[in-house]
Structures are given as C-alpha cells and as structure tokens.
Amino acid sequence: MRDAEKTIGNMIDKQNICYISSVDEDGFPNTKAMLKPRKRNGINEIYLTTNTSSLKVKSFKNNSKACLYFCDRRFFRGIMLKGTVEILEDQESKDMIWQSGDEMYYPKGKTDPDYCVIKFTTISARYYSNYKSEDVEI
C-alpha cells in the first residue's frame, strides 16, 4: 500500500458505522456497532462518543485493550486497528467532539454525566483488500 494513512483514513471517513471490541471480565471479546468516529488524528488516534453507563465503558476501565474494525462492503475491504482505549470524561474532550443533535442520545447536553468520549490509540493495523491481508506500518 503506497499511502496507508491516506487510504485507511479515507475508508474510515466514508463509513457510517464502525465496530468496537472490548474484553470482558472473563476474557471474552464483546463487539458492538457504533456511529462513525467524530474525530481522528491520522489513523493513530480516533475519537468516538458513548454512554458512560455502557457495558463497554465498564469493560474498558478494567481492560484498555480494544479493536476497531471498519468495513467497506461495496469493495469488500476492511481495516482492523488494534490498540488501547482511554475513557475521557473531562469537559474539554466532550466539547471537542460534540455535535448538534447529540441531545437525542445525551438529553442533558454536553455536561450530561452519561456522555463520555472514547479515545482509541492505534498500536497495529491489518488491511484486507483484493482477497489478501497485509500488516500496515503505524
């Protein structure tokens, strides 16, 4: 792949959903579909919103290992990012990714205690396209 960050970044930006996996207290993976990321710094840092009261937040507070997967169904390609998660509950982080309409999920607005930010930091990546997979330099 010539420009991994650009190719993968473009693919991430075009998807409406992503899949996030956490590890539960028994060591089993839990995967959930989520809305697309709100912000990203290249493919190294990806920011998503979620409910503080969710099972995945509880899981991430116990084990920060995570995986994000983005799938381009039209061209049958995907990117799996492995990394770690931080749960950010400070107001600056919440303000950074808040969007108009988020009140539907967080009725108390930006200060809703059930609103938090998932910061995913990529450690490794694997790209699938044209019936083959390849590791991607991060």
C-alpha atoms as a PDB file:
ATOM      1  CA  MET A   1       0.000   0.000   0.000  1.00  0.00           C
ATOM      2  CA  ARG A   2       1.536   3.296  -1.082  1.00  0.00           C
ATOM      3  CA  ASP A   3      -0.026   5.741   1.382  1.00  0.00           C
ATOM      4  CA  ALA A   4      -1.566   3.696   4.185  1.00  0.00           C
ATOM      5  CA  GLU A   5      -2.658   6.634   6.321  1.00  0.00           C
ATOM      6  CA  LYS A   6      -4.463   8.301   3.416  1.00  0.00           C
ATOM      7  CA  THR A   7      -6.059   5.081   2.080  1.00  0.00           C
ATOM      8  CA  ILE A   8      -7.206   3.917   5.503  1.00  0.00           C
ATOM      9  CA  GLY A   9      -8.229   7.400   6.628  1.00  0.00           C
ATOM     10  CA  ASN A  10     -10.416   7.859   3.553  1.00  0.00           C
ATOM     11  CA  MET A  11     -12.028   4.493   4.135  1.00  0.00           C
ATOM     12  CA  ILE A  12     -12.741   5.320   7.793  1.00  0.00           C
ATOM     13  CA  ASP A  13     -14.266   8.681   6.865  1.00  0.00           C
ATOM     14  CA  LYS A  14     -16.662   7.127   4.330  1.00  0.00           C
ATOM     15  CA  GLN A  15     -18.175   4.549   6.701  1.00  0.00           C
ATOM     16  CA  ASN A  16     -21.312   5.326   8.709  1.00  0.00           C
ATOM     17  CA  ILE A  17     -20.556   2.753  11.366  1.00  0.00           C
ATOM     18  CA  CYS A  18     -17.573   1.066  12.923  1.00  0.00           C
ATOM     19  CA  TYR A  19     -17.257  -1.952  15.158  1.00  0.00           C
ATOM     20  CA  ILE A  20     -15.528  -1.730  18.505  1.00  0.00           C
ATOM     21  CA  SER A  21     -14.420  -4.703  20.564  1.00  0.00           C
ATOM     22  CA  SER A  22     -13.599  -4.825  24.233  1.00  0.00           C
ATOM     23  CA  VAL A  23     -12.551  -7.672  26.505  1.00  0.00           C
ATOM     24  CA  ASP A  24     -14.957  -8.642  29.278  1.00  0.00           C
ATOM     25  CA  GLU A  25     -14.018  -9.727  32.799  1.00  0.00           C
ATOM     26  CA  ASP A  26     -13.975 -13.386  31.713  1.00  0.00           C
ATOM     27  CA  GLY A  27     -11.538 -12.644  28.865  1.00  0.00           C
ATOM     28  CA  PHE A  28     -14.085 -12.906  26.063  1.00  0.00           C
ATOM     29  CA  PRO A  29     -14.399 -10.311  23.297  1.00  0.00           C
ATOM     30  CA  ASN A  30     -17.505  -8.125  23.055  1.00  0.00           C
ATOM     31  CA  THR A  31     -18.152  -6.376  19.753  1.00  0.00           C
ATOM     32  CA  LYS A  32     -20.598  -3.556  19.177  1.00  0.00           C
ATOM     33  CA  ALA A  33     -21.545  -1.430  16.185  1.00  0.00           C
ATOM     34  CA  MET A  34     -21.110   2.289  16.807  1.00  0.00           C
ATOM     35  CA  LEU A  35     -21.627   5.510  14.935  1.00  0.00           C
ATOM     36  CA  LYS A  36     -18.665   6.692  12.897  1.00  0.00           C
ATOM     37  CA  PRO A  37     -15.791   8.418  14.698  1.00  0.00           C
ATOM     38  CA  ARG A  38     -16.201  12.093  15.451  1.00  0.00           C
ATOM     39  CA  LYS A  39     -12.558  12.981  15.098  1.00  0.00           C
ATOM     40  CA  ARG A  40      -9.301  11.331  14.191  1.00  0.00           C
ATOM     41  CA  ASN A  41      -5.652  12.295  14.137  1.00  0.00           C
ATOM     42  CA  GLY A  42      -4.452  10.306  11.165  1.00  0.00           C
ATOM     43  CA  ILE A  43      -5.093   6.683  11.999  1.00  0.00           C
ATOM     44  CA  ASN A  44      -3.226   6.929  15.298  1.00  0.00           C
ATOM     45  CA  GLU A  45      -5.972   8.473  17.445  1.00  0.00           C
ATOM     46  CA  ILE A  46      -9.688   8.006  16.891  1.00  0.00           C
ATOM     47  CA  TYR A  47     -12.439   9.592  18.995  1.00  0.00           C
ATOM     48  CA  LEU A  48     -15.983   8.256  19.445  1.00  0.00           C
ATOM     49  CA  THR A  49     -18.902   9.096  21.727  1.00  0.00           C
ATOM     50  CA  THR A  50     -20.701   6.709  24.030  1.00  0.00           C
ATOM     51  CA  ASN A  51     -22.717   6.436  27.207  1.00  0.00           C
ATOM     52  CA  THR A  52     -20.702   6.436  30.415  1.00  0.00           C
ATOM     53  CA  SER A  53     -23.123   3.832  31.804  1.00  0.00           C
ATOM     54  CA  SER A  54     -22.497   1.379  28.932  1.00  0.00           C
ATOM     55  CA  LEU A  55     -21.067  -2.104  29.357  1.00  0.00           C
ATOM     56  CA  LYS A  56     -18.139  -1.291  27.049  1.00  0.00           C
ATOM     57  CA  VAL A  57     -17.048   1.640  29.232  1.00  0.00           C
ATOM     58  CA  LYS A  58     -17.047  -0.673  32.246  1.00  0.00           C
ATOM     59  CA  SER A  59     -15.022  -3.213  30.250  1.00  0.00           C
ATOM     60  CA  PHE A  60     -12.518  -0.597  29.040  1.00  0.00           C
ATOM     61  CA  LYS A  61     -11.991   0.696  32.576  1.00  0.00           C
ATOM     62  CA  ASN A  62     -10.986  -2.851  33.579  1.00  0.00           C
ATOM     63  CA  ASN A  63      -9.008  -3.672  30.415  1.00  0.00           C
ATOM     64  CA  SER A  64      -7.963  -0.977  27.956  1.00  0.00           C
ATOM     65  CA  LYS A  65      -7.220  -3.380  25.083  1.00  0.00           C
ATOM     66  CA  ALA A  66      -9.502  -2.775  22.128  1.00  0.00           C
ATOM     67  CA  CYS A  67     -10.059  -3.291  18.444  1.00  0.00           C
ATOM     68  CA  LEU A  68     -11.800  -1.104  15.858  1.00  0.00           C
ATOM     69  CA  TYR A  69     -12.972  -2.517  12.555  1.00  0.00           C
ATOM     70  CA  PHE A  70     -14.143  -0.576   9.525  1.00  0.00           C
ATOM     71  CA  CYS A  71     -15.705  -2.415   6.603  1.00  0.00           C
ATOM     72  CA  ASP A  72     -16.242  -1.086   3.102  1.00  0.00           C
ATOM     73  CA  ARG A  73     -18.926  -3.517   1.944  1.00  0.00           C
ATOM     74  CA  ARG A  74     -19.077  -2.097  -1.569  1.00  0.00           C
ATOM     75  CA  PHE A  75     -15.469  -3.022  -2.365  1.00  0.00           C
ATOM     76  CA  PHE A  76     -15.211  -5.876   0.177  1.00  0.00           C
ATOM     77  CA  ARG A  77     -12.270  -4.432   2.060  1.00  0.00           C
ATOM     78  CA  GLY A  78     -11.639  -3.625   5.678  1.00  0.00           C
ATOM     79  CA  ILE A  79      -9.214  -2.355   8.256  1.00  0.00           C
ATOM     80  CA  MET A  80      -8.694  -3.772  11.719  1.00  0.00           C
ATOM     81  CA  LEU A  81      -6.989  -1.497  14.194  1.00  0.00           C
ATOM     82  CA  LYS A  82      -5.688  -2.907  17.474  1.00  0.00           C
ATOM     83  CA  GLY A  83      -4.927  -0.567  20.307  1.00  0.00           C
ATOM     84  CA  THR A  84      -5.892   0.815  23.668  1.00  0.00           C
ATOM     85  CA  VAL A  85      -8.771   2.938  24.884  1.00  0.00           C
ATOM     86  CA  GLU A  86      -8.980   5.802  27.334  1.00  0.00           C
ATOM     87  CA  ILE A  87     -12.366   6.918  28.621  1.00  0.00           C
ATOM     88  CA  LEU A  88     -12.368  10.718  28.694  1.00  0.00           C
ATOM     89  CA  GLU A  89     -14.931  12.453  30.880  1.00  0.00           C
ATOM     90  CA  ASP A  90     -13.392  15.930  31.071  1.00  0.00           C
ATOM     91  CA  GLN A  91     -15.404  18.813  29.622  1.00  0.00           C
ATOM     92  CA  GLU A  92     -12.733  19.800  27.089  1.00  0.00           C
ATOM     93  CA  SER A  93     -12.851  16.345  25.473  1.00  0.00           C
ATOM     94  CA  LYS A  94     -16.643  16.329  25.470  1.00  0.00           C
ATOM     95  CA  ASP A  95     -16.761  19.774  23.857  1.00  0.00           C
ATOM     96  CA  MET A  96     -14.193  18.717  21.241  1.00  0.00           C
ATOM     97  CA  ILE A  97     -16.455  16.136  19.592  1.00  0.00           C
ATOM     98  CA  TRP A  98     -19.964  17.321  20.494  1.00  0.00           C
ATOM     99  CA  GLN A  99     -22.293  17.778  17.512  1.00  0.00           C
ATOM    100  CA  SER A 100     -25.665  19.379  17.078  1.00  0.00           C
ATOM    101  CA  GLY A 101     -28.300  16.688  17.551  1.00  0.00           C
ATOM    102  CA  ASP A 102     -26.377  14.779  20.205  1.00  0.00           C
ATOM    103  CA  GLU A 103     -29.102  15.761  22.665  1.00  0.00           C
ATOM    104  CA  MET A 104     -31.024  12.803  21.242  1.00  0.00           C
ATOM    105  CA  TYR A 105     -28.516  10.495  22.971  1.00  0.00           C
ATOM    106  CA  TYR A 106     -27.474  12.776  25.825  1.00  0.00           C
ATOM    107  CA  PRO A 107     -30.546  14.804  26.908  1.00  0.00           C
ATOM    108  CA  LYS A 108     -28.594  16.951  29.384  1.00  0.00           C
ATOM    109  CA  GLY A 109     -26.276  18.193  26.650  1.00  0.00           C
ATOM    110  CA  LYS A 110     -22.503  18.461  26.774  1.00  0.00           C
ATOM    111  CA  THR A 111     -22.475  18.240  30.556  1.00  0.00           C
ATOM    112  CA  ASP A 112     -24.566  15.058  30.685  1.00  0.00           C
ATOM    113  CA  PRO A 113     -22.820  12.690  33.123  1.00  0.00           C
ATOM    114  CA  ASP A 114     -23.839   9.785  30.859  1.00  0.00           C
ATOM    115  CA  TYR A 115     -21.848  11.266  27.941  1.00  0.00           C
ATOM    116  CA  CYS A 116     -18.173  10.436  27.529  1.00  0.00           C
ATOM    117  CA  VAL A 117     -15.502  10.147  24.875  1.00  0.00           C
ATOM    118  CA  ILE A 118     -13.663   7.030  23.796  1.00  0.00           C
ATOM    119  CA  LYS A 119     -10.105   7.825  22.729  1.00  0.00           C
ATOM    120  CA  PHE A 120      -8.684   4.912  20.763  1.00  0.00           C
ATOM    121  CA  THR A 121      -4.901   4.844  20.223  1.00  0.00           C
ATOM    122  CA  THR A 122      -3.734   2.530  17.448  1.00  0.00           C
ATOM    123  CA  ILE A 123      -0.882   0.101  18.087  1.00  0.00           C
ATOM    124  CA  SER A 124      -1.161  -2.043  14.949  1.00  0.00           C
ATOM    125  CA  ALA A 125      -3.272  -2.353  11.826  1.00  0.00           C
ATOM    126  CA  ARG A 126      -4.202  -5.040   9.320  1.00  0.00           C
ATOM    127  CA  TYR A 127      -5.794  -4.182   5.973  1.00  0.00           C
ATOM    128  CA  TYR A 128      -7.857  -6.549   3.835  1.00  0.00           C
ATOM    129  CA  SER A 129      -8.438  -5.964   0.120  1.00  0.00           C
ATOM    130  CA  ASN A 130      -8.387  -7.981  -3.112  1.00  0.00           C
ATOM    131  CA  TYR A 131      -8.644 -11.281  -1.210  1.00  0.00           C
ATOM    132  CA  LYS A 132      -5.495 -10.749   0.818  1.00  0.00           C
ATOM    133  CA  SER A 133      -4.469  -9.197   4.104  1.00  0.00           C
ATOM    134  CA  GLU A 134      -1.410  -7.162   4.954  1.00  0.00           C
ATOM    135  CA  ASP A 135       0.006  -5.596   8.087  1.00  0.00           C
ATOM    136  CA  VAL A 136       0.201  -1.823   7.938  1.00  0.00           C
ATOM    137  CA  GLU A 137       3.049   0.241   9.344  1.00  0.00           C
ATOM    138  CA  ILE A 138       1.804   2.625  12.036  1.00  0.00           C
END
